[in-house]
Amino acid sequence: MIVAESQTVRYSSPATFNDPFEFQSGLHFDFNPDSIPSEFLRRLEELASSSTLPAVDPTDPWGKLVFLVRSNYATQGIPMPLRTERGIEAFQVLIDVLRDTQRRYQEHWWTTLFPGIRVFCVSEVSNSPLMWAHYAKNHTGVVYEFWSLPEEDNALSVAQPVEYLEAPPSFFSETEFVDDLLSIKRIDLKSLYRRYAYCKSAHWRYEQEWRVWHPLSQTKDHDYIQVRQSEFKAAYFGCRMASDARESIKLALRQNFPAVQLFQAHREPSSYELSFTAA
């Protein structure tokens, strides 16, 4: 009823979602940071011995090291000081940088980014009995259908599908970290949180979800965003919805969204499926 009367939809904080794993990865690594020195040397040798010029930044200190090693690789290989135990120990600074990056980003995530994230979730389907049971009060509620309108640049035009995973994505990979150090490809720390915005446990795959989100909200739990008349496509009333509630919502919709199509859900007698007729 709120959507029909207020002409808004709610973007909610993931902290209020029914899934406690939403956006809440531990920003973990899928590798042992202690292996960084050996991986660094392996990657350095790969770049130095490559038949093509490596795409590293020649002005970066680590990039300069790549070109220096490359210029002498045919006769010297990887310089011995880098291969000795003492040389490996010197790379401990890389591990310290990695762990410090993780610590600082975790702090930034929980204190600044996560509290301000607001999400609007939609589904590809309107006839899923599970979705009706879980999100429409056991089929007593209503499902709204909205248009994605790229030509109007509305919010849903930038919605992206959720990726359903067996395990949360890592903070970043060992390869990404080493490539960043060697100035091959920089890690964009500001965009790392996007990895968590569009992924959920594979247990939720039945939702077939897409979502829109924005960061840095100043509200406590949710924001209300205006819905344009051109965005509102249809409303589907649950098969268990009370007639008085249905008529109230229909009245509000006809007043505020006169072009919206209205449908009534029915249980199919010979299958576990829903069908819809004009309401």
C-alpha atoms as a PDB file:
ATOM      1  CA  MET A   1       0.000   0.000   0.000  1.00  0.00           C
ATOM      2  CA  ILE A   2       2.884   2.342   0.785  1.00  0.00           C
ATOM      3  CA  VAL A   3       4.240   2.091  -2.766  1.00  0.00           C
ATOM      4  CA  ALA A   4       0.849   2.777  -4.333  1.00  0.00           C
ATOM      5  CA  GLU A   5       0.040   5.742  -2.088  1.00  0.00           C
ATOM      6  CA  SER A   6       3.463   7.368  -1.646  1.00  0.00           C
ATOM      7  CA  GLN A   7       4.652   6.645  -5.218  1.00  0.00           C
ATOM      8  CA  THR A   8       8.016   5.584  -3.815  1.00  0.00           C
ATOM      9  CA  VAL A   9      10.035   2.407  -3.328  1.00  0.00           C
ATOM     10  CA  ARG A  10      12.362   1.680  -0.443  1.00  0.00           C
ATOM     11  CA  TYR A  11      16.119   1.274  -0.750  1.00  0.00           C
ATOM     12  CA  SER A  12      17.139  -0.587   2.414  1.00  0.00           C
ATOM     13  CA  SER A  13      20.321  -1.112   4.373  1.00  0.00           C
ATOM     14  CA  PRO A  14      21.761  -4.617   3.840  1.00  0.00           C
ATOM     15  CA  ALA A  15      22.145  -4.769   7.621  1.00  0.00           C
ATOM     16  CA  THR A  16      18.356  -5.216   7.787  1.00  0.00           C
ATOM     17  CA  PHE A  17      18.157  -8.033   5.184  1.00  0.00           C
ATOM     18  CA  ASN A  18      17.085 -11.549   6.112  1.00  0.00           C
ATOM     19  CA  ASP A  19      20.394 -12.919   4.832  1.00  0.00           C
ATOM     20  CA  PRO A  20      23.165 -12.148   7.380  1.00  0.00           C
ATOM     21  CA  PHE A  21      25.830 -12.685   4.710  1.00  0.00           C
ATOM     22  CA  GLU A  22      24.670  -9.778   2.526  1.00  0.00           C
ATOM     23  CA  PHE A  23      27.614  -7.466   1.773  1.00  0.00           C
ATOM     24  CA  GLN A  24      29.256  -8.901   4.878  1.00  0.00           C
ATOM     25  CA  SER A  25      32.287 -10.758   3.646  1.00  0.00           C
ATOM     26  CA  GLY A  26      35.269 -10.794   5.959  1.00  0.00           C
ATOM     27  CA  LEU A  27      37.383  -9.217   3.190  1.00  0.00           C
ATOM     28  CA  HIS A  28      39.430 -12.397   3.270  1.00  0.00           C
ATOM     29  CA  PHE A  29      42.267 -13.620   1.046  1.00  0.00           C
ATOM     30  CA  ASP A  30      42.080 -16.891  -0.855  1.00  0.00           C
ATOM     31  CA  PHE A  31      45.857 -17.333  -0.597  1.00  0.00           C
ATOM     32  CA  ASN A  32      48.522 -17.358   2.107  1.00  0.00           C
ATOM     33  CA  PRO A  33      50.166 -13.905   2.294  1.00  0.00           C
ATOM     34  CA  ASP A  34      53.440 -15.608   3.264  1.00  0.00           C
ATOM     35  CA  SER A  35      53.670 -16.904  -0.309  1.00  0.00           C
ATOM     36  CA  ILE A  36      53.881 -13.380  -1.739  1.00  0.00           C
ATOM     37  CA  PRO A  37      57.728 -13.239  -1.973  1.00  0.00           C
ATOM     38  CA  SER A  38      57.973 -16.469  -3.991  1.00  0.00           C
ATOM     39  CA  GLU A  39      55.035 -15.460  -6.203  1.00  0.00           C
ATOM     40  CA  PHE A  40      56.628 -12.053  -6.743  1.00  0.00           C
ATOM     41  CA  LEU A  41      59.892 -13.661  -7.905  1.00  0.00           C
ATOM     42  CA  ARG A  42      58.026 -16.101 -10.147  1.00  0.00           C
ATOM     43  CA  ARG A  43      56.107 -13.243 -11.792  1.00  0.00           C
ATOM     44  CA  LEU A  44      59.262 -11.127 -12.091  1.00  0.00           C
ATOM     45  CA  GLU A  45      61.064 -13.936 -13.882  1.00  0.00           C
ATOM     46  CA  GLU A  46      58.073 -14.478 -16.164  1.00  0.00           C
ATOM     47  CA  LEU A  47      58.120 -10.807 -17.187  1.00  0.00           C
ATOM     48  CA  ALA A  48      61.894 -10.699 -17.542  1.00  0.00           C
ATOM     49  CA  SER A  49      62.011 -13.751 -19.803  1.00  0.00           C
ATOM     50  CA  SER A  50      59.001 -12.838 -21.923  1.00  0.00           C
ATOM     51  CA  SER A  51      59.601 -12.428 -25.658  1.00  0.00           C
ATOM     52  CA  THR A  52      57.371  -9.359 -25.648  1.00  0.00           C
ATOM     53  CA  LEU A  53      57.871  -6.127 -23.773  1.00  0.00           C
ATOM     54  CA  PRO A  54      55.941  -6.317 -20.482  1.00  0.00           C
ATOM     55  CA  ALA A  55      53.173  -3.783 -19.918  1.00  0.00           C
ATOM     56  CA  VAL A  56      54.653  -2.234 -16.787  1.00  0.00           C
ATOM     57  CA  ASP A  57      55.090   1.410 -15.842  1.00  0.00           C
ATOM     58  CA  PRO A  58      58.744   2.309 -16.535  1.00  0.00           C
ATOM     59  CA  THR A  59      58.517   5.260 -14.136  1.00  0.00           C
ATOM     60  CA  ASP A  60      57.402   3.110 -11.214  1.00  0.00           C
ATOM     61  CA  PRO A  61      60.221   1.792  -8.935  1.00  0.00           C
ATOM     62  CA  TRP A  62      58.984  -1.788  -9.315  1.00  0.00           C
ATOM     63  CA  GLY A  63      58.515  -1.269 -13.033  1.00  0.00           C
ATOM     64  CA  LYS A  64      62.119  -0.092 -13.258  1.00  0.00           C
ATOM     65  CA  LEU A  65      63.176  -3.285 -11.491  1.00  0.00           C
ATOM     66  CA  VAL A  66      61.362  -5.353 -14.119  1.00  0.00           C
ATOM     67  CA  PHE A  67      63.225  -3.605 -16.965  1.00  0.00           C
ATOM     68  CA  LEU A  68      66.533  -3.817 -15.115  1.00  0.00           C
ATOM     69  CA  VAL A  69      66.204  -7.546 -14.563  1.00  0.00           C
ATOM     70  CA  ARG A  70      64.975  -7.997 -18.118  1.00  0.00           C
ATOM     71  CA  SER A  71      68.017  -6.198 -19.579  1.00  0.00           C
ATOM     72  CA  ASN A  72      70.393  -8.621 -17.850  1.00  0.00           C
ATOM     73  CA  TYR A  73      68.239 -11.732 -17.759  1.00  0.00           C
ATOM     74  CA  ALA A  74      69.882 -13.491 -20.729  1.00  0.00           C
ATOM     75  CA  THR A  75      73.257 -13.582 -18.960  1.00  0.00           C
ATOM     76  CA  GLN A  76      72.392 -13.320 -15.270  1.00  0.00           C
ATOM     77  CA  GLY A  77      68.831 -14.550 -14.851  1.00  0.00           C
ATOM     78  CA  ILE A  78      67.207 -13.304 -11.652  1.00  0.00           C
ATOM     79  CA  PRO A  79      69.932 -11.534  -9.606  1.00  0.00           C
ATOM     80  CA  MET A  80      71.209 -13.752  -6.799  1.00  0.00           C
ATOM     81  CA  PRO A  81      70.574 -11.179  -4.020  1.00  0.00           C
ATOM     82  CA  LEU A  82      66.863 -11.504  -4.773  1.00  0.00           C
ATOM     83  CA  ARG A  83      67.000 -15.289  -4.502  1.00  0.00           C
ATOM     84  CA  THR A  84      68.871 -15.598  -1.213  1.00  0.00           C
ATOM     85  CA  GLU A  85      67.135 -16.129   2.093  1.00  0.00           C
ATOM     86  CA  ARG A  86      68.087 -12.603   3.072  1.00  0.00           C
ATOM     87  CA  GLY A  87      66.606 -11.278  -0.132  1.00  0.00           C
ATOM     88  CA  ILE A  88      63.405 -13.192   0.461  1.00  0.00           C
ATOM     89  CA  GLU A  89      63.216 -11.779   3.976  1.00  0.00           C
ATOM     90  CA  ALA A  90      63.516  -8.302   2.547  1.00  0.00           C
ATOM     91  CA  PHE A  91      60.262  -8.949   0.730  1.00  0.00           C
ATOM     92  CA  GLN A  92      58.537  -9.229   4.100  1.00  0.00           C
ATOM     93  CA  VAL A  93      57.607  -5.608   3.568  1.00  0.00           C
ATOM     94  CA  LEU A  94      55.253  -6.805   0.818  1.00  0.00           C
ATOM     95  CA  ILE A  95      53.427  -9.021   3.277  1.00  0.00           C
ATOM     96  CA  ASP A  96      53.243  -6.168   5.764  1.00  0.00           C
ATOM     97  CA  VAL A  97      51.804  -3.889   3.054  1.00  0.00           C
ATOM     98  CA  LEU A  98      49.243  -6.534   2.138  1.00  0.00           C
ATOM     99  CA  ARG A  99      48.066  -7.088   5.705  1.00  0.00           C
ATOM    100  CA  ASP A 100      47.977  -3.339   6.388  1.00  0.00           C
ATOM    101  CA  THR A 101      45.917  -2.767   3.232  1.00  0.00           C
ATOM    102  CA  GLN A 102      43.458  -5.402   4.395  1.00  0.00           C
ATOM    103  CA  ARG A 103      43.247  -3.929   7.907  1.00  0.00           C
ATOM    104  CA  ARG A 104      42.706  -0.356   6.679  1.00  0.00           C
ATOM    105  CA  TYR A 105      40.096  -1.379   4.131  1.00  0.00           C
ATOM    106  CA  GLN A 106      38.203  -3.488   6.662  1.00  0.00           C
ATOM    107  CA  GLU A 107      38.058  -0.497   8.974  1.00  0.00           C
ATOM    108  CA  HIS A 108      36.907   1.771   6.120  1.00  0.00           C
ATOM    109  CA  TRP A 109      34.322  -0.792   5.021  1.00  0.00           C
ATOM    110  CA  TRP A 110      32.631  -1.249   8.401  1.00  0.00           C
ATOM    111  CA  THR A 111      32.809   2.338   9.637  1.00  0.00           C
ATOM    112  CA  THR A 112      32.199   4.312   6.405  1.00  0.00           C
ATOM    113  CA  LEU A 113      30.946   2.275   3.449  1.00  0.00           C
ATOM    114  CA  PHE A 114      28.675  -0.455   4.802  1.00  0.00           C
ATOM    115  CA  PRO A 115      26.498   1.771   7.043  1.00  0.00           C
ATOM    116  CA  GLY A 116      25.643   4.039   4.104  1.00  0.00           C
ATOM    117  CA  ILE A 117      24.769   1.405   1.482  1.00  0.00           C
ATOM    118  CA  ARG A 118      21.126   1.247   0.358  1.00  0.00           C
ATOM    119  CA  VAL A 119      19.800  -1.449  -1.974  1.00  0.00           C
ATOM    120  CA  PHE A 120      16.671  -1.942  -4.083  1.00  0.00           C
ATOM    121  CA  CYS A 121      16.119  -5.586  -5.042  1.00  0.00           C
ATOM    122  CA  VAL A 122      13.930  -6.925  -7.844  1.00  0.00           C
ATOM    123  CA  SER A 123      13.361 -10.345  -9.394  1.00  0.00           C
ATOM    124  CA  GLU A 124      13.135 -11.603 -12.966  1.00  0.00           C
ATOM    125  CA  VAL A 125       9.989 -13.587 -12.142  1.00  0.00           C
ATOM    126  CA  SER A 126       6.529 -12.771 -10.790  1.00  0.00           C
ATOM    127  CA  ASN A 127       5.156 -16.302 -10.432  1.00  0.00           C
ATOM    128  CA  SER A 128       7.609 -18.010  -8.056  1.00  0.00           C
ATOM    129  CA  PRO A 129       5.632 -19.592  -5.177  1.00  0.00           C
ATOM    130  CA  LEU A 130       8.707 -19.347  -2.947  1.00  0.00           C
ATOM    131  CA  MET A 131       9.146 -15.645  -3.605  1.00  0.00           C
ATOM    132  CA  TRP A 132       5.438 -15.046  -2.942  1.00  0.00           C
ATOM    133  CA  ALA A 133       5.677 -16.958   0.327  1.00  0.00           C
ATOM    134  CA  HIS A 134       8.859 -15.235   1.520  1.00  0.00           C
ATOM    135  CA  TYR A 135       8.310 -11.642   0.376  1.00  0.00           C
ATOM    136  CA  ALA A 136       4.547 -11.206  -0.097  1.00  0.00           C
ATOM    137  CA  LYS A 137       3.256 -12.379   3.284  1.00  0.00           C
ATOM    138  CA  ASN A 138       2.441 -15.946   2.258  1.00  0.00           C
ATOM    139  CA  HIS A 139       0.641 -14.904  -0.926  1.00  0.00           C
ATOM    140  CA  THR A 140      -1.505 -12.283   0.874  1.00  0.00           C
ATOM    141  CA  GLY A 141       0.480  -9.330  -0.513  1.00  0.00           C
ATOM    142  CA  VAL A 142       1.111  -7.772  -3.893  1.00  0.00           C
ATOM    143  CA  VAL A 143       3.983  -7.869  -6.395  1.00  0.00           C
ATOM    144  CA  TYR A 144       4.835  -4.785  -8.433  1.00  0.00           C
ATOM    145  CA  GLU A 145       6.471  -4.880 -11.854  1.00  0.00           C
ATOM    146  CA  PHE A 146       8.629  -1.993 -13.062  1.00  0.00           C
ATOM    147  CA  TRP A 147      10.130  -1.068 -16.398  1.00  0.00           C
ATOM    148  CA  SER A 148      13.828  -0.628 -17.047  1.00  0.00           C
ATOM    149  CA  LEU A 149      14.000   2.549 -19.124  1.00  0.00           C
ATOM    150  CA  PRO A 150      17.530   3.303 -20.391  1.00  0.00           C
ATOM    151  CA  GLU A 151      16.184   6.136 -22.539  1.00  0.00           C
ATOM    152  CA  GLU A 152      14.940   7.846 -19.361  1.00  0.00           C
ATOM    153  CA  ASP A 153      18.011   6.886 -17.343  1.00  0.00           C
ATOM    154  CA  ASN A 154      15.880   5.513 -14.525  1.00  0.00           C
ATOM    155  CA  ALA A 155      17.393   3.558 -11.638  1.00  0.00           C
ATOM    156  CA  LEU A 156      16.495   0.100 -12.946  1.00  0.00           C
ATOM    157  CA  SER A 157      18.274   0.825 -16.214  1.00  0.00           C
ATOM    158  CA  VAL A 158      21.546   0.335 -14.325  1.00  0.00           C
ATOM    159  CA  ALA A 159      20.412  -2.715 -12.330  1.00  0.00           C
ATOM    160  CA  GLN A 160      22.732  -5.711 -12.482  1.00  0.00           C
ATOM    161  CA  PRO A 161      22.037  -9.404 -11.883  1.00  0.00           C
ATOM    162  CA  VAL A 162      23.141 -11.046  -8.661  1.00  0.00           C
ATOM    163  CA  GLU A 163      25.824 -13.697  -8.989  1.00  0.00           C
ATOM    164  CA  TYR A 164      25.145 -16.752  -6.839  1.00  0.00           C
ATOM    165  CA  LEU A 165      28.336 -18.249  -5.410  1.00  0.00           C
ATOM    166  CA  GLU A 166      29.338 -21.249  -3.309  1.00  0.00           C
ATOM    167  CA  ALA A 167      31.690 -19.043  -1.241  1.00  0.00           C
ATOM    168  CA  PRO A 168      32.173 -15.273  -0.773  1.00  0.00           C
ATOM    169  CA  PRO A 169      34.590 -13.588  -3.184  1.00  0.00           C
ATOM    170  CA  SER A 170      38.049 -12.829  -1.867  1.00  0.00           C
ATOM    171  CA  PHE A 171      39.307  -9.329  -1.111  1.00  0.00           C
ATOM    172  CA  PHE A 172      41.624  -9.571  -4.100  1.00  0.00           C
ATOM    173  CA  SER A 173      43.716 -12.395  -5.520  1.00  0.00           C
ATOM    174  CA  GLU A 174      47.423 -13.021  -5.163  1.00  0.00           C
ATOM    175  CA  THR A 175      47.874 -12.349  -8.871  1.00  0.00           C
ATOM    176  CA  GLU A 176      46.051  -9.024  -8.607  1.00  0.00           C
ATOM    177  CA  PHE A 177      48.237  -7.939  -5.686  1.00  0.00           C
ATOM    178  CA  VAL A 178      51.519  -8.892  -7.379  1.00  0.00           C
ATOM    179  CA  ASP A 179      50.445  -7.285 -10.664  1.00  0.00           C
ATOM    180  CA  ASP A 180      49.629  -4.130  -8.722  1.00  0.00           C
ATOM    181  CA  LEU A 181      53.071  -4.125  -7.095  1.00  0.00           C
ATOM    182  CA  LEU A 182      54.774  -4.602 -10.443  1.00  0.00           C
ATOM    183  CA  SER A 183      52.672  -1.741 -11.923  1.00  0.00           C
ATOM    184  CA  ILE A 184      51.068  -4.056 -14.476  1.00  0.00           C
ATOM    185  CA  LYS A 185      47.498  -3.380 -13.397  1.00  0.00           C
ATOM    186  CA  ARG A 186      46.565  -1.235 -10.423  1.00  0.00           C
ATOM    187  CA  ILE A 187      43.993  -2.399  -7.908  1.00  0.00           C
ATOM    188  CA  ASP A 188      41.168   0.086  -7.655  1.00  0.00           C
ATOM    189  CA  LEU A 189      40.514  -0.033  -3.919  1.00  0.00           C
ATOM    190  CA  LYS A 190      37.504   2.255  -4.257  1.00  0.00           C
ATOM    191  CA  SER A 191      35.718  -0.269  -6.448  1.00  0.00           C
ATOM    192  CA  LEU A 192      36.517  -3.418  -4.480  1.00  0.00           C
ATOM    193  CA  TYR A 193      33.297  -3.233  -2.501  1.00  0.00           C
ATOM    194  CA  ARG A 194      31.387  -3.735  -5.753  1.00  0.00           C
ATOM    195  CA  ARG A 195      32.429  -7.379  -5.528  1.00  0.00           C
ATOM    196  CA  TYR A 196      30.104  -7.747  -2.581  1.00  0.00           C
ATOM    197  CA  ALA A 197      27.203  -5.709  -3.954  1.00  0.00           C
ATOM    198  CA  TYR A 198      26.175  -8.252  -6.569  1.00  0.00           C
ATOM    199  CA  CYS A 199      26.911 -11.627  -5.011  1.00  0.00           C
ATOM    200  CA  LYS A 200      24.977 -13.924  -2.676  1.00  0.00           C
ATOM    201  CA  SER A 201      25.102 -17.503  -1.488  1.00  0.00           C
ATOM    202  CA  ALA A 202      24.012 -20.092  -4.041  1.00  0.00           C
ATOM    203  CA  HIS A 203      21.215 -21.025  -1.616  1.00  0.00           C
ATOM    204  CA  TRP A 204      19.332 -17.949  -2.863  1.00  0.00           C
ATOM    205  CA  ARG A 205      19.551 -18.762  -6.565  1.00  0.00           C
ATOM    206  CA  TYR A 206      15.783 -19.279  -6.851  1.00  0.00           C
ATOM    207  CA  GLU A 207      15.277 -15.519  -6.329  1.00  0.00           C
ATOM    208  CA  GLN A 208      16.739 -14.656  -9.769  1.00  0.00           C
ATOM    209  CA  GLU A 209      17.539 -11.258  -8.331  1.00  0.00           C
ATOM    210  CA  TRP A 210      18.733  -8.018  -9.862  1.00  0.00           C
ATOM    211  CA  ARG A 211      19.598  -4.998  -7.779  1.00  0.00           C
ATOM    212  CA  VAL A 212      20.315  -1.288  -7.748  1.00  0.00           C
ATOM    213  CA  TRP A 213      22.270   0.302  -4.941  1.00  0.00           C
ATOM    214  CA  HIS A 214      23.885   3.515  -3.861  1.00  0.00           C
ATOM    215  CA  PRO A 215      26.431   4.313  -1.126  1.00  0.00           C
ATOM    216  CA  LEU A 216      26.879   7.038   1.467  1.00  0.00           C
ATOM    217  CA  SER A 217      23.267   7.428   2.581  1.00  0.00           C
ATOM    218  CA  GLN A 218      22.775   9.546   5.686  1.00  0.00           C
ATOM    219  CA  THR A 219      19.531   7.878   6.820  1.00  0.00           C
ATOM    220  CA  LYS A 220      19.323   5.278   9.563  1.00  0.00           C
ATOM    221  CA  ASP A 221      18.026   2.217   7.690  1.00  0.00           C
ATOM    222  CA  HIS A 222      16.432   3.112   4.360  1.00  0.00           C
ATOM    223  CA  ASP A 223      15.749   5.755   1.711  1.00  0.00           C
ATOM    224  CA  TYR A 224      12.511   6.303  -0.204  1.00  0.00           C
ATOM    225  CA  ILE A 225      13.010   6.918  -3.919  1.00  0.00           C
ATOM    226  CA  GLN A 226      10.300   8.366  -6.181  1.00  0.00           C
ATOM    227  CA  VAL A 227       8.760   6.103  -8.830  1.00  0.00           C
ATOM    228  CA  ARG A 228       7.852   7.741 -12.143  1.00  0.00           C
ATOM    229  CA  GLN A 229       4.539   6.926 -13.766  1.00  0.00           C
ATOM    230  CA  SER A 230       6.366   5.643 -16.826  1.00  0.00           C
ATOM    231  CA  GLU A 231       8.274   3.117 -14.686  1.00  0.00           C
ATOM    232  CA  PHE A 232       5.260   1.351 -13.178  1.00  0.00           C
ATOM    233  CA  LYS A 233       4.175  -1.531 -15.423  1.00  0.00           C
ATOM    234  CA  ALA A 234       1.902  -3.874 -13.449  1.00  0.00           C
ATOM    235  CA  ALA A 235       0.627  -5.113 -10.088  1.00  0.00           C
ATOM    236  CA  TYR A 236      -0.075  -8.753  -9.212  1.00  0.00           C
ATOM    237  CA  PHE A 237      -2.393  -9.480  -6.277  1.00  0.00           C
ATOM    238  CA  GLY A 238      -1.747 -12.596  -4.210  1.00  0.00           C
ATOM    239  CA  CYS A 239      -4.063 -15.594  -4.380  1.00  0.00           C
ATOM    240  CA  ARG A 240      -4.719 -15.248  -0.630  1.00  0.00           C
ATOM    241  CA  MET A 241      -5.072 -11.478  -0.575  1.00  0.00           C
ATOM    242  CA  ALA A 242      -8.090 -10.085   1.260  1.00  0.00           C
ATOM    243  CA  SER A 243     -10.579  -8.387  -1.051  1.00  0.00           C
ATOM    244  CA  ASP A 244     -10.700  -5.145   0.940  1.00  0.00           C
ATOM    245  CA  ALA A 245      -6.893  -4.802   0.858  1.00  0.00           C
ATOM    246  CA  ARG A 246      -6.886  -5.509  -2.881  1.00  0.00           C
ATOM    247  CA  GLU A 247      -9.547  -2.885  -3.584  1.00  0.00           C
ATOM    248  CA  SER A 248      -7.706  -0.257  -1.523  1.00  0.00           C
ATOM    249  CA  ILE A 249      -4.480  -0.794  -3.439  1.00  0.00           C
ATOM    250  CA  LYS A 250      -6.299  -0.843  -6.793  1.00  0.00           C
ATOM    251  CA  LEU A 251      -7.896   2.499  -5.950  1.00  0.00           C
ATOM    252  CA  ALA A 252      -4.536   4.079  -5.027  1.00  0.00           C
ATOM    253  CA  LEU A 253      -2.867   2.673  -8.136  1.00  0.00           C
ATOM    254  CA  ARG A 254      -5.576   3.956 -10.466  1.00  0.00           C
ATOM    255  CA  GLN A 255      -5.262   7.409  -8.950  1.00  0.00           C
ATOM    256  CA  ASN A 256      -1.466   7.629  -9.002  1.00  0.00           C
ATOM    257  CA  PHE A 257      -0.506   5.276 -11.851  1.00  0.00           C
ATOM    258  CA  PRO A 258      -3.502   5.183 -14.256  1.00  0.00           C
ATOM    259  CA  ALA A 259      -1.618   3.176 -16.910  1.00  0.00           C
ATOM    260  CA  VAL A 260      -0.654   0.302 -14.599  1.00  0.00           C
ATOM    261  CA  GLN A 261      -1.955  -3.176 -15.494  1.00  0.00           C
ATOM    262  CA  LEU A 262      -3.626  -5.190 -12.721  1.00  0.00           C
ATOM    263  CA  PHE A 263      -3.584  -8.989 -12.336  1.00  0.00           C
ATOM    264  CA  GLN A 264      -5.004 -11.503  -9.874  1.00  0.00           C
ATOM    265  CA  ALA A 265      -3.029 -14.631  -8.954  1.00  0.00           C
ATOM    266  CA  HIS A 266      -4.703 -18.069  -8.884  1.00  0.00           C
ATOM    267  CA  ARG A 267      -3.515 -21.486  -7.802  1.00  0.00           C
ATOM    268  CA  GLU A 268      -3.453 -24.003 -10.638  1.00  0.00           C
ATOM    269  CA  PRO A 269      -5.443 -27.111  -9.601  1.00  0.00           C
ATOM    270  CA  SER A 270      -3.230 -29.604 -11.430  1.00  0.00           C
ATOM    271  CA  SER A 271       0.246 -28.200 -10.736  1.00  0.00           C
ATOM    272  CA  TYR A 272       2.289 -26.280  -8.157  1.00  0.00           C
ATOM    273  CA  GLU A 273       2.075 -23.114 -10.223  1.00  0.00           C
ATOM    274  CA  LEU A 274       0.415 -19.717 -10.229  1.00  0.00           C
ATOM    275  CA  SER A 275      -1.589 -18.250 -13.088  1.00  0.00           C
ATOM    276  CA  PHE A 276      -2.833 -14.680 -13.500  1.00  0.00           C
ATOM    277  CA  THR A 277      -5.934 -13.073 -14.923  1.00  0.00           C
ATOM    278  CA  ALA A 278      -6.817  -9.407 -15.401  1.00  0.00           C
ATOM    279  CA  ALA A 279      -8.075  -7.841 -12.174  1.00  0.00           C
END
